[in-house]
N, C-alpha and C. Protein backbone atom coordinates (compact mmCIF):
# COMPACT_ATOMS: atom_id res chain seq x y z
N MET A 1 -29.25 4.17 -99.00
CA MET A 1 -29.60 3.13 -98.27
C MET A 1 -31.06 3.93 -97.86
N ASN A 2 -32.01 3.28 -97.16
CA ASN A 2 -33.43 3.55 -96.72
C ASN A 2 -33.13 3.95 -95.64
N GLU A 3 -34.31 4.54 -95.19
CA GLU A 3 -34.35 5.50 -93.94
C GLU A 3 -34.37 4.38 -92.97
N PHE A 4 -35.30 3.33 -92.64
CA PHE A 4 -35.06 1.93 -91.72
C PHE A 4 -33.54 1.84 -91.43
N LYS A 5 -32.89 1.57 -92.50
CA LYS A 5 -31.61 0.88 -92.66
C LYS A 5 -30.31 1.81 -91.88
N GLU A 6 -30.91 3.14 -92.42
CA GLU A 6 -30.11 4.32 -91.16
C GLU A 6 -30.47 4.09 -89.76
N ILE A 7 -31.61 4.20 -89.51
CA ILE A 7 -31.95 3.90 -88.18
C ILE A 7 -31.53 2.93 -87.72
N GLU A 8 -31.57 1.55 -88.35
CA GLU A 8 -30.93 0.46 -87.76
C GLU A 8 -29.16 0.56 -87.57
N LYS A 9 -28.93 1.22 -88.52
CA LYS A 9 -27.15 1.66 -88.36
C LYS A 9 -27.13 2.66 -86.82
N ARG A 10 -27.95 3.82 -86.60
CA ARG A 10 -27.83 4.25 -85.31
C ARG A 10 -28.04 3.56 -84.04
N ILE A 11 -28.95 2.42 -84.32
CA ILE A 11 -29.53 1.67 -83.08
C ILE A 11 -28.02 0.92 -82.76
N ARG A 12 -27.41 0.20 -83.78
CA ARG A 12 -26.48 -0.89 -83.47
C ARG A 12 -25.09 0.29 -83.05
N LYS A 13 -24.87 1.32 -83.64
CA LYS A 13 -24.30 2.48 -83.06
C LYS A 13 -24.06 2.82 -81.11
N MET A 14 -25.40 3.12 -81.13
CA MET A 14 -25.90 3.08 -79.66
C MET A 14 -25.31 2.03 -78.73
N PHE A 15 -25.51 0.91 -79.11
CA PHE A 15 -25.21 -0.27 -78.28
C PHE A 15 -23.71 -0.88 -78.47
N GLU A 16 -22.84 -0.02 -79.57
CA GLU A 16 -21.72 -0.82 -79.88
C GLU A 16 -21.85 -2.39 -80.06
N THR A 17 -22.57 -2.55 -81.27
CA THR A 17 -22.97 -4.15 -81.34
C THR A 17 -23.04 -4.14 -83.04
N ASN A 18 -23.02 -5.19 -83.60
CA ASN A 18 -23.36 -5.62 -84.91
C ASN A 18 -24.83 -6.34 -85.19
N THR A 19 -25.01 -6.78 -83.85
CA THR A 19 -26.39 -7.33 -83.55
C THR A 19 -27.29 -6.56 -82.45
N ILE A 20 -28.44 -6.17 -83.14
CA ILE A 20 -29.17 -5.42 -82.36
C ILE A 20 -30.27 -5.94 -81.19
N PRO A 21 -29.86 -5.53 -79.69
CA PRO A 21 -30.51 -6.46 -79.09
C PRO A 21 -31.87 -6.08 -78.58
N GLU A 22 -32.69 -7.14 -78.00
CA GLU A 22 -33.83 -7.28 -77.76
C GLU A 22 -34.24 -6.10 -76.58
N VAL A 23 -35.20 -5.56 -76.15
CA VAL A 23 -35.47 -4.52 -75.20
C VAL A 23 -35.45 -5.63 -73.90
N SER A 24 -34.77 -5.35 -73.56
CA SER A 24 -34.83 -5.92 -71.54
C SER A 24 -34.14 -5.28 -70.66
N ASP A 25 -34.26 -5.59 -69.11
CA ASP A 25 -33.85 -4.52 -68.19
C ASP A 25 -32.16 -4.30 -68.65
N GLU A 26 -31.57 -5.11 -69.11
CA GLU A 26 -29.98 -5.03 -69.26
C GLU A 26 -29.93 -3.81 -70.33
N SER A 27 -30.93 -3.95 -71.05
CA SER A 27 -30.57 -2.90 -72.57
C SER A 27 -30.93 -1.90 -72.35
N LEU A 28 -32.03 -1.88 -71.43
CA LEU A 28 -32.60 -0.38 -71.21
C LEU A 28 -31.81 0.08 -70.08
N ARG A 29 -31.23 -0.38 -69.25
CA ARG A 29 -30.13 0.15 -68.36
C ARG A 29 -29.12 0.65 -68.90
N PHE A 30 -28.39 -0.04 -70.08
CA PHE A 30 -27.57 0.82 -71.09
C PHE A 30 -27.74 2.03 -71.61
N CYS A 31 -29.31 1.88 -72.25
CA CYS A 31 -29.68 2.83 -72.89
C CYS A 31 -29.69 4.27 -71.91
N ILE A 32 -30.35 3.97 -70.66
CA ILE A 32 -29.94 5.20 -69.90
C ILE A 32 -28.64 5.92 -69.59
N LYS A 33 -27.64 5.13 -69.50
CA LYS A 33 -26.52 5.65 -69.93
C LYS A 33 -26.21 6.47 -70.97
N TYR A 34 -26.24 5.48 -72.10
CA TYR A 34 -25.63 5.90 -73.13
C TYR A 34 -26.39 7.22 -73.76
N LEU A 35 -27.79 7.35 -73.34
CA LEU A 35 -28.49 8.33 -73.78
C LEU A 35 -27.87 9.78 -73.02
N ASN A 36 -28.04 9.45 -71.64
CA ASN A 36 -27.49 10.39 -70.74
C ASN A 36 -25.94 11.20 -70.90
N GLU A 37 -25.32 10.25 -71.69
CA GLU A 37 -23.96 10.43 -72.06
C GLU A 37 -23.80 11.31 -73.59
N ASN A 38 -24.82 10.92 -74.71
CA ASN A 38 -25.06 11.37 -75.69
C ASN A 38 -25.92 12.37 -76.15
N LEU A 39 -26.69 12.79 -75.36
CA LEU A 39 -27.82 13.68 -75.80
C LEU A 39 -27.52 15.13 -75.05
N GLU A 40 -27.66 15.96 -75.98
CA GLU A 40 -26.84 17.33 -75.47
C GLU A 40 -27.85 18.27 -74.81
N PHE A 41 -27.94 18.12 -73.59
CA PHE A 41 -29.24 18.59 -72.98
C PHE A 41 -28.52 20.23 -72.46
N PRO A 42 -29.75 21.16 -72.27
CA PRO A 42 -30.94 20.93 -72.54
C PRO A 42 -31.40 21.45 -74.17
N PHE A 43 -32.47 20.35 -74.52
CA PHE A 43 -33.00 21.02 -75.82
C PHE A 43 -34.40 20.51 -75.70
N GLU A 44 -35.07 21.12 -77.11
CA GLU A 44 -36.64 21.24 -76.57
C GLU A 44 -37.25 20.03 -77.56
N ILE A 45 -38.23 20.06 -76.58
CA ILE A 45 -38.76 18.17 -76.87
C ILE A 45 -40.41 19.09 -77.29
N THR A 46 -41.13 17.92 -77.67
CA THR A 46 -42.80 18.17 -77.57
C THR A 46 -43.32 16.58 -77.89
N GLY A 47 -44.65 16.69 -77.48
CA GLY A 47 -45.20 15.19 -77.77
C GLY A 47 -45.55 14.77 -79.31
N SER A 48 -45.06 13.29 -79.52
CA SER A 48 -45.28 12.54 -80.73
C SER A 48 -46.67 12.57 -80.93
N GLU A 49 -47.19 12.07 -79.77
CA GLU A 49 -48.76 11.20 -79.74
C GLU A 49 -49.19 11.58 -78.55
N ASP A 50 -50.61 11.69 -78.37
CA ASP A 50 -50.89 11.90 -77.13
C ASP A 50 -50.45 11.02 -75.78
N PHE A 51 -50.34 11.77 -74.75
CA PHE A 51 -49.77 11.11 -73.80
C PHE A 51 -50.97 10.03 -72.98
N PRO A 52 -51.05 8.93 -72.17
CA PRO A 52 -51.92 8.22 -71.88
C PRO A 52 -53.25 9.03 -71.19
N TRP A 53 -52.77 9.84 -70.28
CA TRP A 53 -54.23 10.50 -69.59
C TRP A 53 -54.87 11.42 -70.34
N GLU A 54 -54.18 11.48 -72.11
CA GLU A 54 -55.05 12.25 -72.57
C GLU A 54 -55.90 11.53 -73.30
N GLU A 55 -55.94 10.23 -73.55
CA GLU A 55 -56.74 9.33 -74.27
C GLU A 55 -58.29 9.58 -74.47
N LYS A 56 -58.86 9.70 -73.06
CA LYS A 56 -59.80 9.97 -72.84
C LYS A 56 -60.50 11.15 -73.59
N TYR A 57 -59.89 12.53 -73.81
CA TYR A 57 -60.21 13.63 -74.31
C TYR A 57 -60.23 13.41 -75.98
N ILE A 58 -59.09 12.70 -76.18
CA ILE A 58 -58.70 12.45 -77.64
C ILE A 58 -59.55 11.81 -78.24
N PHE A 59 -60.33 10.86 -77.74
CA PHE A 59 -61.37 10.14 -78.40
C PHE A 59 -62.82 10.64 -77.77
N GLY A 60 -63.09 11.77 -77.47
CA GLY A 60 -64.28 12.25 -77.10
C GLY A 60 -64.94 12.05 -75.88
N PHE A 61 -64.13 11.10 -74.88
CA PHE A 61 -64.98 11.07 -73.42
C PHE A 61 -65.17 11.75 -72.47
N GLY A 62 -64.53 12.87 -72.87
CA GLY A 62 -64.36 14.46 -71.59
C GLY A 62 -64.39 15.39 -72.44
N SER A 63 -64.79 16.25 -71.86
CA SER A 63 -65.14 17.79 -72.13
C SER A 63 -63.85 18.59 -72.18
N LYS A 64 -63.82 19.26 -73.13
CA LYS A 64 -62.68 20.17 -73.79
C LYS A 64 -62.20 21.03 -72.56
N ASP A 65 -63.10 21.71 -72.07
CA ASP A 65 -62.98 22.44 -70.67
C ASP A 65 -62.23 21.91 -69.50
N GLU A 66 -62.70 20.55 -69.52
CA GLU A 66 -62.07 19.34 -68.31
C GLU A 66 -60.53 19.21 -69.03
N TRP A 67 -60.33 18.97 -70.39
CA TRP A 67 -59.00 18.52 -70.66
C TRP A 67 -57.97 19.72 -70.46
N GLU A 68 -58.54 21.17 -71.23
CA GLU A 68 -58.02 22.27 -70.72
C GLU A 68 -57.22 22.21 -69.32
N GLU A 69 -58.53 22.39 -68.49
CA GLU A 69 -58.29 22.46 -67.00
C GLU A 69 -57.07 21.31 -66.45
N GLU A 70 -57.23 19.98 -66.93
CA GLU A 70 -55.96 19.35 -66.69
C GLU A 70 -54.83 19.09 -67.01
N LYS A 71 -54.78 19.94 -68.16
CA LYS A 71 -53.62 20.39 -68.70
C LYS A 71 -52.49 21.47 -68.47
N MET A 72 -53.24 22.22 -67.10
CA MET A 72 -52.65 22.92 -66.33
C MET A 72 -51.71 22.26 -65.33
N ASN A 73 -52.02 21.01 -64.77
CA ASN A 73 -51.30 20.30 -63.92
C ASN A 73 -50.58 19.45 -64.38
N LYS A 74 -50.89 18.62 -65.71
CA LYS A 74 -50.49 17.65 -66.44
C LYS A 74 -49.45 17.79 -67.56
N PRO A 75 -48.77 16.66 -68.33
CA PRO A 75 -48.19 17.53 -69.42
C PRO A 75 -48.95 16.99 -70.30
N SER A 76 -48.92 17.71 -71.48
CA SER A 76 -49.91 17.18 -72.79
C SER A 76 -48.78 17.36 -73.77
N TYR A 77 -49.51 16.27 -74.88
CA TYR A 77 -48.60 15.86 -75.98
C TYR A 77 -48.62 17.70 -76.72
N LYS A 78 -49.44 18.61 -76.54
CA LYS A 78 -49.22 19.81 -77.40
C LYS A 78 -48.27 20.93 -76.95
N ASP A 79 -47.92 20.85 -75.79
CA ASP A 79 -46.67 21.65 -74.95
C ASP A 79 -45.51 21.22 -75.66
N THR A 80 -44.66 22.66 -75.27
CA THR A 80 -43.14 22.10 -75.83
C THR A 80 -42.49 22.24 -74.33
N TYR A 81 -41.56 21.74 -74.41
CA TYR A 81 -40.66 21.11 -72.90
C TYR A 81 -39.13 21.26 -73.32
N MET A 82 -38.42 21.94 -72.37
CA MET A 82 -36.74 21.53 -72.60
C MET A 82 -36.75 20.33 -71.59
N ALA A 83 -36.09 19.23 -72.18
CA ALA A 83 -35.56 17.88 -71.90
C ALA A 83 -34.13 18.41 -71.07
N LEU A 84 -34.21 17.67 -69.70
CA LEU A 84 -33.07 18.11 -68.67
C LEU A 84 -32.25 16.77 -68.64
N GLU A 85 -32.99 15.62 -68.68
CA GLU A 85 -31.98 14.52 -68.26
C GLU A 85 -32.86 13.00 -68.68
N VAL A 86 -32.18 12.22 -68.91
CA VAL A 86 -32.97 10.76 -68.82
C VAL A 86 -32.88 10.26 -67.56
N ILE A 87 -33.94 9.67 -66.81
CA ILE A 87 -33.95 9.47 -65.43
C ILE A 87 -33.96 8.11 -65.53
N PRO A 88 -33.45 7.42 -64.62
CA PRO A 88 -32.87 6.01 -64.27
C PRO A 88 -34.04 4.98 -63.69
N TYR A 89 -35.21 5.29 -64.38
CA TYR A 89 -36.20 4.54 -64.29
C TYR A 89 -36.95 4.19 -65.48
N TYR A 90 -37.56 2.86 -65.72
CA TYR A 90 -38.36 2.23 -66.64
C TYR A 90 -39.19 1.61 -66.20
N ASP A 91 -40.24 1.40 -67.33
CA ASP A 91 -41.49 0.63 -67.02
C ASP A 91 -41.94 -0.05 -68.36
N ARG A 92 -43.29 -0.38 -68.52
CA ARG A 92 -43.97 -0.80 -69.88
C ARG A 92 -43.64 -0.01 -70.66
N TYR A 93 -43.78 1.30 -70.49
CA TYR A 93 -43.81 2.00 -71.51
C TYR A 93 -42.39 2.42 -71.96
N GLY A 94 -41.09 1.80 -71.15
CA GLY A 94 -40.18 2.28 -71.62
C GLY A 94 -39.12 3.14 -70.48
N LEU A 95 -38.41 3.84 -71.27
CA LEU A 95 -37.54 5.12 -70.80
C LEU A 95 -38.37 6.51 -70.63
N TYR A 96 -38.04 7.25 -69.41
CA TYR A 96 -38.58 8.45 -68.95
C TYR A 96 -37.39 9.47 -69.20
N ILE A 97 -38.02 10.84 -69.65
CA ILE A 97 -37.00 11.91 -69.40
C ILE A 97 -37.88 12.93 -68.73
N LYS A 98 -36.89 13.90 -67.91
CA LYS A 98 -37.20 15.04 -67.10
C LYS A 98 -37.10 16.02 -67.57
N ALA A 99 -38.27 16.80 -68.21
CA ALA A 99 -38.49 17.81 -68.43
C ALA A 99 -39.25 19.06 -68.08
N LYS A 100 -38.81 20.39 -68.58
CA LYS A 100 -39.66 21.30 -67.93
C LYS A 100 -40.53 21.81 -69.28
N ARG A 101 -41.82 22.27 -68.67
CA ARG A 101 -42.65 22.86 -69.53
C ARG A 101 -42.49 24.37 -69.83
N THR A 102 -42.39 24.55 -71.07
CA THR A 102 -41.74 25.79 -71.75
C THR A 102 -43.07 26.75 -71.95
N SER A 103 -44.36 25.50 -72.57
CA SER A 103 -44.95 26.60 -73.31
C SER A 103 -46.45 26.94 -72.83
N ARG A 104 -46.81 26.92 -71.37
CA ARG A 104 -47.65 27.38 -70.76
C ARG A 104 -47.17 28.28 -69.31
N MET A 105 -48.26 29.00 -68.71
CA MET A 105 -47.57 29.82 -67.41
C MET A 105 -47.22 28.93 -66.59
N LYS A 106 -47.69 27.73 -66.24
CA LYS A 106 -47.08 26.86 -64.90
C LYS A 106 -46.14 26.14 -66.20
N ARG A 107 -44.86 26.40 -65.84
CA ARG A 107 -43.67 25.82 -66.11
C ARG A 107 -43.37 24.95 -65.33
N LYS A 108 -44.21 23.80 -65.18
CA LYS A 108 -43.68 22.76 -64.59
C LYS A 108 -42.53 21.57 -64.82
N LYS A 109 -42.09 20.83 -63.93
CA LYS A 109 -41.42 19.63 -64.64
C LYS A 109 -41.88 18.41 -64.43
N PHE A 110 -41.98 17.65 -65.41
CA PHE A 110 -42.59 16.28 -65.50
C PHE A 110 -41.45 15.05 -66.01
N ASP A 111 -42.01 13.95 -65.93
CA ASP A 111 -41.39 12.85 -66.26
C ASP A 111 -41.99 12.32 -67.23
N LEU A 112 -41.40 12.44 -68.37
CA LEU A 112 -42.28 12.18 -69.72
C LEU A 112 -41.69 11.06 -70.49
N ILE A 113 -42.67 10.27 -70.83
CA ILE A 113 -42.16 8.48 -71.54
C ILE A 113 -41.50 9.10 -72.90
N LEU A 114 -40.31 8.74 -72.82
CA LEU A 114 -39.65 8.88 -74.09
C LEU A 114 -39.98 8.22 -75.64
N GLY A 115 -40.53 7.31 -75.39
CA GLY A 115 -41.16 6.86 -76.76
C GLY A 115 -42.41 7.75 -76.99
N PHE A 116 -42.94 8.67 -76.45
CA PHE A 116 -44.13 10.01 -76.73
C PHE A 116 -43.65 10.91 -77.05
N ILE A 117 -42.32 11.42 -77.07
CA ILE A 117 -42.00 12.89 -77.47
C ILE A 117 -41.20 12.87 -78.96
N THR A 118 -40.78 13.82 -79.09
CA THR A 118 -39.91 13.98 -80.61
C THR A 118 -39.27 15.58 -80.22
N CYS A 119 -38.16 15.56 -80.82
CA CYS A 119 -37.46 16.83 -80.84
C CYS A 119 -37.91 17.78 -81.88
N THR A 120 -38.02 19.19 -81.28
CA THR A 120 -38.51 20.11 -82.35
C THR A 120 -37.38 20.30 -83.59
N GLU A 121 -36.03 19.75 -83.13
CA GLU A 121 -35.16 20.13 -84.11
C GLU A 121 -35.14 18.15 -84.47
N LYS A 122 -35.73 17.78 -85.56
CA LYS A 122 -35.58 16.48 -85.92
C LYS A 122 -34.11 16.03 -86.52
N GLU A 123 -33.99 17.11 -87.42
CA GLU A 123 -32.79 16.43 -87.87
C GLU A 123 -31.50 16.52 -87.31
N GLY A 124 -31.18 17.18 -86.18
CA GLY A 124 -30.05 17.15 -85.23
C GLY A 124 -29.81 16.02 -84.60
N LYS A 125 -28.54 16.02 -83.80
CA LYS A 125 -28.28 14.77 -83.12
C LYS A 125 -29.02 14.25 -82.46
N ASN A 126 -29.56 14.96 -81.24
CA ASN A 126 -30.75 14.66 -80.45
C ASN A 126 -31.99 13.89 -81.23
N GLY A 127 -32.05 14.38 -82.07
CA GLY A 127 -33.31 14.11 -82.53
C GLY A 127 -32.98 12.96 -83.55
N ASN A 128 -31.92 12.33 -83.73
CA ASN A 128 -31.59 10.79 -84.36
C ASN A 128 -31.30 9.97 -83.40
N ILE A 129 -30.66 10.59 -82.39
CA ILE A 129 -30.82 9.41 -81.15
C ILE A 129 -32.00 9.37 -80.71
N ILE A 130 -32.81 10.22 -80.39
CA ILE A 130 -34.36 9.93 -79.65
C ILE A 130 -35.15 8.73 -80.97
N GLU A 131 -34.87 9.21 -81.99
CA GLU A 131 -35.84 8.32 -83.11
C GLU A 131 -35.08 6.61 -83.09
N ALA A 132 -33.74 6.94 -83.16
CA ALA A 132 -33.51 5.42 -82.87
C ALA A 132 -33.78 4.62 -81.58
N TYR A 133 -33.73 5.26 -80.69
CA TYR A 133 -34.20 4.68 -79.34
C TYR A 133 -35.81 4.19 -79.64
N LYS A 134 -36.56 5.45 -80.25
CA LYS A 134 -38.05 4.94 -80.59
C LYS A 134 -38.54 3.65 -81.12
N VAL A 135 -37.55 3.66 -82.22
CA VAL A 135 -37.51 2.64 -83.43
C VAL A 135 -37.32 1.23 -82.51
N TRP A 136 -36.37 1.11 -81.82
CA TRP A 136 -35.47 -0.05 -81.18
C TRP A 136 -36.69 -0.35 -80.09
N ARG A 137 -37.13 0.45 -79.45
CA ARG A 137 -38.05 0.28 -78.31
C ARG A 137 -39.57 -0.41 -78.96
N ALA A 138 -39.72 -0.05 -80.27
CA ALA A 138 -41.00 -0.58 -80.75
C ALA A 138 -40.91 -1.49 -81.40
N ASN A 139 -39.83 -1.97 -81.91
CA ASN A 139 -39.43 -2.93 -82.74
C ASN A 139 -38.51 -4.26 -82.37
N TYR A 140 -38.00 -4.11 -81.30
CA TYR A 140 -37.02 -5.34 -80.91
C TYR A 140 -37.16 -5.76 -79.41
């Protein structure tokens, strides 16, 4: 079975259905409940791509020093975090996860976009669930 088919199988399991639903308010609310019940908190995560606020620095429109300074008070995709819970909120980016930064002196808590993170242990249960969510959110 190819990898995408395996992920689709996990998505159908997540929604307990043979048909994968489209992303909607109802399906996102269902996801919040499912993820909080099935993810094994806490677990380590990191960014899978730059967070929206970092784009200007990634594309060279801000200084490296300014970026380093801002990362002290804002989450960076290069940091590591402990995921604590999926929060009951969503917007155009999808769902958010409450996480505590572990890789800097300022171990602050942040609400991170779930679609922008990845588990450091990609092959485990949590990694598989988050990957399934991300594929569903991006494609349905």
